[in-house]
Amino acid sequence: MFTDFTATDRWTGKQIHCLYQALVVAIATRHADAVDIKFLADGRPVSVALPHPAWVEYHKRTGKLITDSLAKEIAGHYLKTALESGEGLGREMYSLTVEETLKHLDGVVAGVETPMASAR
């Protein structure tokens, strides 16, 4: 859903094609306690940093794990929301808090559950 998508930039109305490119453990690359999810947004690199404590908090709350696939979806959901709300392409890196990460995780899960519910 959110590894290859199009978002409409709020300010320009331009369609921006976003494509997942890589998942990088940020401890190794920039000594951060996060996982960087890298996208190309109209060919420009944009990373969304998800904090490692979000994995722990989500497991504590639900008993479930954030998988690599789910992390990519969370980051893509955030990026689409950021573009469509006007945060734009001005930055190369967006760093989320634990609560922001879990909020976007909820958005991904709600998007997945909605079509199933309507099919019943």
Protein backbone atom coordinates (compact mmCIF):
# COMPACT_ATOMS: atom_id res chain seq x y z
CA MET A 1 0.00 0.00 0.00
CA PHE A 2 2.62 2.55 1.03
CA THR A 3 5.78 1.24 -0.64
CA ASP A 4 4.87 2.54 -4.11
CA PHE A 5 2.29 5.31 -4.04
CA THR A 6 1.38 8.77 -5.26
CA ALA A 7 0.63 11.72 -3.02
CA THR A 8 -0.68 15.15 -3.94
CA ASP A 9 1.45 17.99 -2.59
CA ARG A 10 -0.88 20.29 -0.69
CA TRP A 11 0.76 23.53 -1.83
CA THR A 12 1.47 22.81 -5.49
CA GLY A 13 -1.21 20.24 -6.29
CA LYS A 14 1.53 18.23 -7.98
CA GLN A 15 1.38 14.44 -7.94
CA ILE A 16 4.50 13.05 -6.28
CA HIS A 17 5.48 9.44 -6.94
CA CYS A 18 7.01 7.84 -3.85
CA LEU A 19 8.86 4.54 -4.04
CA TYR A 20 10.36 2.59 -1.15
CA GLN A 21 14.09 2.11 -1.61
CA ALA A 22 15.76 0.79 1.56
CA LEU A 23 15.47 0.00 5.24
CA VAL A 24 18.60 0.91 7.21
CA VAL A 25 19.32 0.39 10.89
CA ALA A 26 20.40 3.89 11.85
CA ILE A 27 22.64 2.78 14.71
CA ALA A 28 25.23 1.74 12.14
CA THR A 29 24.91 4.74 9.81
CA ARG A 30 24.28 7.74 12.04
CA HIS A 31 24.46 6.39 15.60
CA ALA A 32 20.74 6.91 16.16
CA ASP A 33 18.35 4.61 17.99
CA ALA A 34 16.09 4.32 14.95
CA VAL A 35 15.38 2.56 11.70
CA ASP A 36 15.57 4.76 8.61
CA ILE A 37 13.12 3.95 5.83
CA LYS A 38 14.34 5.51 2.60
CA PHE A 39 12.05 6.51 -0.24
CA LEU A 40 12.53 8.24 -3.55
CA ALA A 41 9.97 11.04 -3.83
CA ASP A 42 9.97 12.11 -7.47
CA GLY A 43 13.56 10.88 -7.61
CA ARG A 44 14.71 12.76 -4.49
CA PRO A 45 15.85 10.74 -1.47
CA VAL A 46 13.65 11.15 1.60
CA SER A 47 14.05 9.12 4.80
CA VAL A 48 11.61 8.56 7.62
CA ALA A 49 13.27 7.63 10.93
CA LEU A 50 11.22 5.36 13.19
CA PRO A 51 12.53 5.19 16.78
CA HIS A 52 13.46 1.74 18.12
CA PRO A 53 11.51 2.32 21.36
CA ALA A 54 8.32 2.23 19.25
CA TRP A 55 8.93 -1.48 18.62
CA VAL A 56 9.16 -2.10 22.37
CA GLU A 57 6.12 0.04 23.18
CA TYR A 58 3.97 -1.60 20.50
CA HIS A 59 4.92 -5.06 21.76
CA LYS A 60 4.14 -3.99 25.34
CA ARG A 61 0.71 -2.67 24.33
CA THR A 62 -0.34 -5.43 21.95
CA GLY A 63 1.96 -8.44 22.25
CA LYS A 64 2.58 -8.08 18.49
CA LEU A 65 5.76 -7.19 16.62
CA ILE A 66 6.53 -4.48 14.11
CA THR A 67 7.97 -6.36 11.15
CA ASP A 68 10.16 -4.85 8.45
CA SER A 69 7.17 -4.86 6.10
CA LEU A 70 5.01 -3.07 8.64
CA ALA A 71 7.79 -0.53 9.31
CA LYS A 72 7.89 0.30 5.58
CA GLU A 73 4.11 0.78 5.58
CA ILE A 74 4.24 3.01 8.66
CA ALA A 75 6.91 5.22 7.09
CA GLY A 76 5.06 5.39 3.78
CA HIS A 77 1.82 6.28 5.56
CA TYR A 78 3.65 9.09 7.36
CA LEU A 79 5.27 10.38 4.16
CA LYS A 80 1.97 10.43 2.26
CA THR A 81 0.30 12.23 5.16
CA ALA A 82 3.16 14.74 5.40
CA LEU A 83 3.04 15.56 1.71
CA GLU A 84 -0.73 15.89 1.60
CA SER A 85 -0.87 18.02 4.77
CA GLY A 86 1.70 20.52 3.53
CA GLU A 87 4.93 19.43 5.22
CA GLY A 88 6.29 19.02 1.70
CA LEU A 89 9.54 17.82 0.26
CA GLY A 90 11.71 20.40 1.95
CA ARG A 91 13.60 17.92 4.13
CA GLU A 92 15.62 14.81 3.43
CA MET A 93 14.85 13.30 6.86
CA TYR A 94 11.73 13.14 8.98
CA SER A 95 12.15 11.79 12.54
CA LEU A 96 9.07 10.45 14.24
CA THR A 97 8.41 10.11 17.95
CA VAL A 98 7.21 6.85 19.46
CA GLU A 99 3.63 8.17 19.62
CA GLU A 100 3.74 9.43 16.02
CA THR A 101 5.03 6.03 14.90
CA LEU A 102 2.22 4.23 16.71
CA LYS A 103 -0.36 6.69 15.34
CA HIS A 104 0.74 5.97 11.78
CA LEU A 105 0.83 2.25 12.54
CA ASP A 106 -2.82 2.57 13.57
CA GLY A 107 -3.49 4.38 10.27
CA VAL A 108 -1.94 1.52 8.31
CA VAL A 109 -3.90 -1.10 10.23
CA ALA A 110 -7.17 0.86 9.85
CA GLY A 111 -6.58 1.10 6.10
CA VAL A 112 -6.05 -2.63 5.85
CA GLU A 113 -9.07 -3.50 7.99
CA THR A 114 -11.49 -1.12 6.24
CA PRO A 115 -11.77 -3.03 2.91
CA MET A 116 -12.22 -6.32 4.76
CA ALA A 117 -14.99 -4.92 6.91
CA SER A 118 -16.86 -3.54 3.92
CA ALA A 119 -16.63 -6.90 2.12
CA ARG A 120 -18.68 -8.63 4.84
